[in-house]
Every structure is written in structure tokens, then in C-alpha cells.
Amino acid sequence: MPHSHGERRNTRKKLSKKKRERGLSPISRAIQSFAAGERVHIHIDPSIHKGMPHHRFHGMTGEVKGARGRAYIVEVSSGRRQRKKELFIRAEHLRMQG
């Protein structure tokens, strides 16, 4: 059988919902807005595929730099050297910090 090197590999636990959370997420999560400079947590919603970041960024905290269309530009630091990366993530996959 060929190897699977897809975007969602090794995410059986990470991209699954708990029993009570299954189904579509509330619309209020999709219409939330963030201002530039706010800190947000990246929490991937597996039921919405559009605007989903790579699963390596799940659980990270970043800073909103601006908006592009319906998505937000979020800057996170990753790796040992703390490199800054800009991600384009839709509001359904973001939560306010604090």
C-alpha cells in the first residue's frame, strides 16, 4: 500500500471533535472579528476546511497583523530559532486569548 503524505496525516486525535462538539460549529465563531495587534490562540475546527492552517500550528498563540479578505494574517514564532511565520487563517480557527 502506498504511503500517505497528505496535509492531514497523523492527525487522528488532533483533528477530531469530542462527542458533544460534533457537527457544524456555531455561526458566531465564523463572524467574530479581530483587530490588528490582538493575541489569538490557533484552535483548528476540523469541520471547516477552508482557511485551515497546517496542524503543526494547532495550539499556538500568535498576533493578528491584519486582514486579507475573510482571513486574518497571524504571526507566530516557531522553531528553535523563534522564526516569525505569517499564516492566513479564517476566524473559525481562532480564539481570543484570555
C-alpha atoms as a PDB file:
ATOM      1  CA  MET A   1       0.000   0.000   0.000  1.00  0.00           C
ATOM      2  CA  PRO A   2       1.425   3.457  -0.881  1.00  0.00           C
ATOM      3  CA  HIS A   3       2.420   5.904   1.819  1.00  0.00           C
ATOM      4  CA  SER A   4       0.050   8.751   2.596  1.00  0.00           C
ATOM      5  CA  HIS A   5       1.808  12.105   2.784  1.00  0.00           C
ATOM      6  CA  GLY A   6      -1.326  14.259   2.784  1.00  0.00           C
ATOM      7  CA  GLU A   7      -1.964  17.521   4.587  1.00  0.00           C
ATOM      8  CA  ARG A   8      -3.920  15.835   7.403  1.00  0.00           C
ATOM      9  CA  ARG A   9      -1.711  12.832   8.099  1.00  0.00           C
ATOM     10  CA  ASN A  10      -1.002  11.845  11.727  1.00  0.00           C
ATOM     11  CA  THR A  11      -3.923  13.941  12.998  1.00  0.00           C
ATOM     12  CA  ARG A  12      -6.394  11.309  14.180  1.00  0.00           C
ATOM     13  CA  LYS A  13      -6.630  12.775  17.688  1.00  0.00           C
ATOM     14  CA  LYS A  14      -5.703  16.374  16.922  1.00  0.00           C
ATOM     15  CA  LEU A  15      -8.337  16.965  14.235  1.00  0.00           C
ATOM     16  CA  SER A  16     -11.235  15.105  15.824  1.00  0.00           C
ATOM     17  CA  LYS A  17     -14.042  16.582  17.884  1.00  0.00           C
ATOM     18  CA  LYS A  18     -15.388  15.373  21.186  1.00  0.00           C
ATOM     19  CA  LYS A  19     -18.849  13.760  21.177  1.00  0.00           C
ATOM     20  CA  ARG A  20     -20.753  16.836  22.319  1.00  0.00           C
ATOM     21  CA  GLU A  21     -18.973  19.120  19.836  1.00  0.00           C
ATOM     22  CA  ARG A  22     -19.702  17.111  16.697  1.00  0.00           C
ATOM     23  CA  GLY A  23     -21.425  18.706  13.712  1.00  0.00           C
ATOM     24  CA  LEU A  24     -21.240  22.249  12.469  1.00  0.00           C
ATOM     25  CA  SER A  25     -19.761  24.899  14.727  1.00  0.00           C
ATOM     26  CA  PRO A  26     -21.847  27.915  15.811  1.00  0.00           C
ATOM     27  CA  ILE A  27     -22.163  30.799  13.349  1.00  0.00           C
ATOM     28  CA  SER A  28     -20.921  33.245  15.998  1.00  0.00           C
ATOM     29  CA  ARG A  29     -17.463  31.756  15.680  1.00  0.00           C
ATOM     30  CA  ALA A  30     -17.405  32.479  11.939  1.00  0.00           C
ATOM     31  CA  ILE A  31     -18.460  36.133  12.250  1.00  0.00           C
ATOM     32  CA  GLN A  32     -16.142  37.111  15.105  1.00  0.00           C
ATOM     33  CA  SER A  33     -13.690  39.866  14.257  1.00  0.00           C
ATOM     34  CA  PHE A  34     -10.187  40.655  15.444  1.00  0.00           C
ATOM     35  CA  ALA A  35      -8.230  43.889  15.383  1.00  0.00           C
ATOM     36  CA  ALA A  36      -4.583  44.231  14.475  1.00  0.00           C
ATOM     37  CA  GLY A  37      -2.332  43.688  17.483  1.00  0.00           C
ATOM     38  CA  GLU A  38      -4.630  41.276  19.341  1.00  0.00           C
ATOM     39  CA  ARG A  39      -3.277  37.955  20.603  1.00  0.00           C
ATOM     40  CA  VAL A  40      -5.180  34.851  19.477  1.00  0.00           C
ATOM     41  CA  HIS A  41      -4.976  31.099  20.007  1.00  0.00           C
ATOM     42  CA  ILE A  42      -4.996  28.851  16.954  1.00  0.00           C
ATOM     43  CA  HIS A  43      -7.560  26.131  17.587  1.00  0.00           C
ATOM     44  CA  ILE A  44      -8.358  24.206  14.399  1.00  0.00           C
ATOM     45  CA  ASP A  45     -12.026  23.393  13.774  1.00  0.00           C
ATOM     46  CA  PRO A  46     -11.920  20.170  11.719  1.00  0.00           C
ATOM     47  CA  SER A  47     -15.486  20.571  10.392  1.00  0.00           C
ATOM     48  CA  ILE A  48     -14.472  23.665   8.373  1.00  0.00           C
ATOM     49  CA  HIS A  49     -11.777  23.029   5.792  1.00  0.00           C
ATOM     50  CA  LYS A  50     -11.458  26.498   4.302  1.00  0.00           C
ATOM     51  CA  GLY A  51      -8.803  28.683   5.857  1.00  0.00           C
ATOM     52  CA  MET A  52      -7.443  25.837   7.972  1.00  0.00           C
ATOM     53  CA  PRO A  53      -3.779  26.214   8.980  1.00  0.00           C
ATOM     54  CA  HIS A  54      -1.348  23.299   8.985  1.00  0.00           C
ATOM     55  CA  HIS A  55      -1.799  21.067  12.011  1.00  0.00           C
ATOM     56  CA  ARG A  56       1.682  21.881  13.315  1.00  0.00           C
ATOM     57  CA  PHE A  57       0.325  25.307  14.335  1.00  0.00           C
ATOM     58  CA  HIS A  58      -2.611  23.892  16.346  1.00  0.00           C
ATOM     59  CA  GLY A  59      -2.431  25.174  19.917  1.00  0.00           C
ATOM     60  CA  MET A  60      -0.017  28.023  19.197  1.00  0.00           C
ATOM     61  CA  THR A  61      -0.596  31.641  20.102  1.00  0.00           C
ATOM     62  CA  GLY A  62       0.029  34.448  17.654  1.00  0.00           C
ATOM     63  CA  GLU A  63      -0.588  38.104  16.973  1.00  0.00           C
ATOM     64  CA  VAL A  64      -3.043  39.399  14.392  1.00  0.00           C
ATOM     65  CA  LYS A  65      -1.237  41.622  11.884  1.00  0.00           C
ATOM     66  CA  GLY A  66      -4.185  42.453   9.644  1.00  0.00           C
ATOM     67  CA  ALA A  67      -6.933  41.016   7.490  1.00  0.00           C
ATOM     68  CA  ARG A  68      -6.986  39.732   3.939  1.00  0.00           C
ATOM     69  CA  GLY A  69     -10.457  39.015   2.621  1.00  0.00           C
ATOM     70  CA  ARG A  70     -12.252  36.839   5.162  1.00  0.00           C
ATOM     71  CA  ALA A  71      -8.984  35.582   6.644  1.00  0.00           C
ATOM     72  CA  TYR A  72      -6.631  37.131   9.174  1.00  0.00           C
ATOM     73  CA  ILE A  73      -2.869  37.388   8.941  1.00  0.00           C
ATOM     74  CA  VAL A  74      -1.492  35.851  12.147  1.00  0.00           C
ATOM     75  CA  GLU A  75       2.206  35.973  13.018  1.00  0.00           C
ATOM     76  CA  VAL A  76       3.534  33.100  15.120  1.00  0.00           C
ATOM     77  CA  SER A  77       7.046  32.257  16.223  1.00  0.00           C
ATOM     78  CA  SER A  78       8.036  28.657  15.628  1.00  0.00           C
ATOM     79  CA  GLY A  79      11.121  26.533  15.727  1.00  0.00           C
ATOM     80  CA  ARG A  80      14.200  26.678  17.883  1.00  0.00           C
ATOM     81  CA  ARG A  81      15.360  29.971  16.420  1.00  0.00           C
ATOM     82  CA  GLN A  82      11.923  31.503  17.012  1.00  0.00           C
ATOM     83  CA  ARG A  83      11.398  32.350  13.362  1.00  0.00           C
ATOM     84  CA  LYS A  84       8.373  34.503  12.636  1.00  0.00           C
ATOM     85  CA  LYS A  85       5.827  32.993  10.269  1.00  0.00           C
ATOM     86  CA  GLU A  86       2.777  34.663   8.765  1.00  0.00           C
ATOM     87  CA  LEU A  87      -0.298  32.459   8.454  1.00  0.00           C
ATOM     88  CA  PHE A  88      -3.563  33.213   6.696  1.00  0.00           C
ATOM     89  CA  ILE A  89      -6.290  31.782   8.930  1.00  0.00           C
ATOM     90  CA  ARG A  90     -10.034  32.233   8.904  1.00  0.00           C
ATOM     91  CA  ALA A  91     -11.883  33.318  12.061  1.00  0.00           C
ATOM     92  CA  GLU A  92     -13.387  29.854  12.675  1.00  0.00           C
ATOM     93  CA  HIS A  93      -9.937  28.553  13.631  1.00  0.00           C
ATOM     94  CA  LEU A  94      -9.054  31.406  16.010  1.00  0.00           C
ATOM     95  CA  ARG A  95      -9.983  32.085  19.648  1.00  0.00           C
ATOM     96  CA  MET A  96      -9.365  35.179  21.737  1.00  0.00           C
ATOM     97  CA  GLN A  97      -6.575  34.909  24.275  1.00  0.00           C
ATOM     98  CA  GLY A  98      -7.611  35.266  27.884  1.00  0.00           C
END
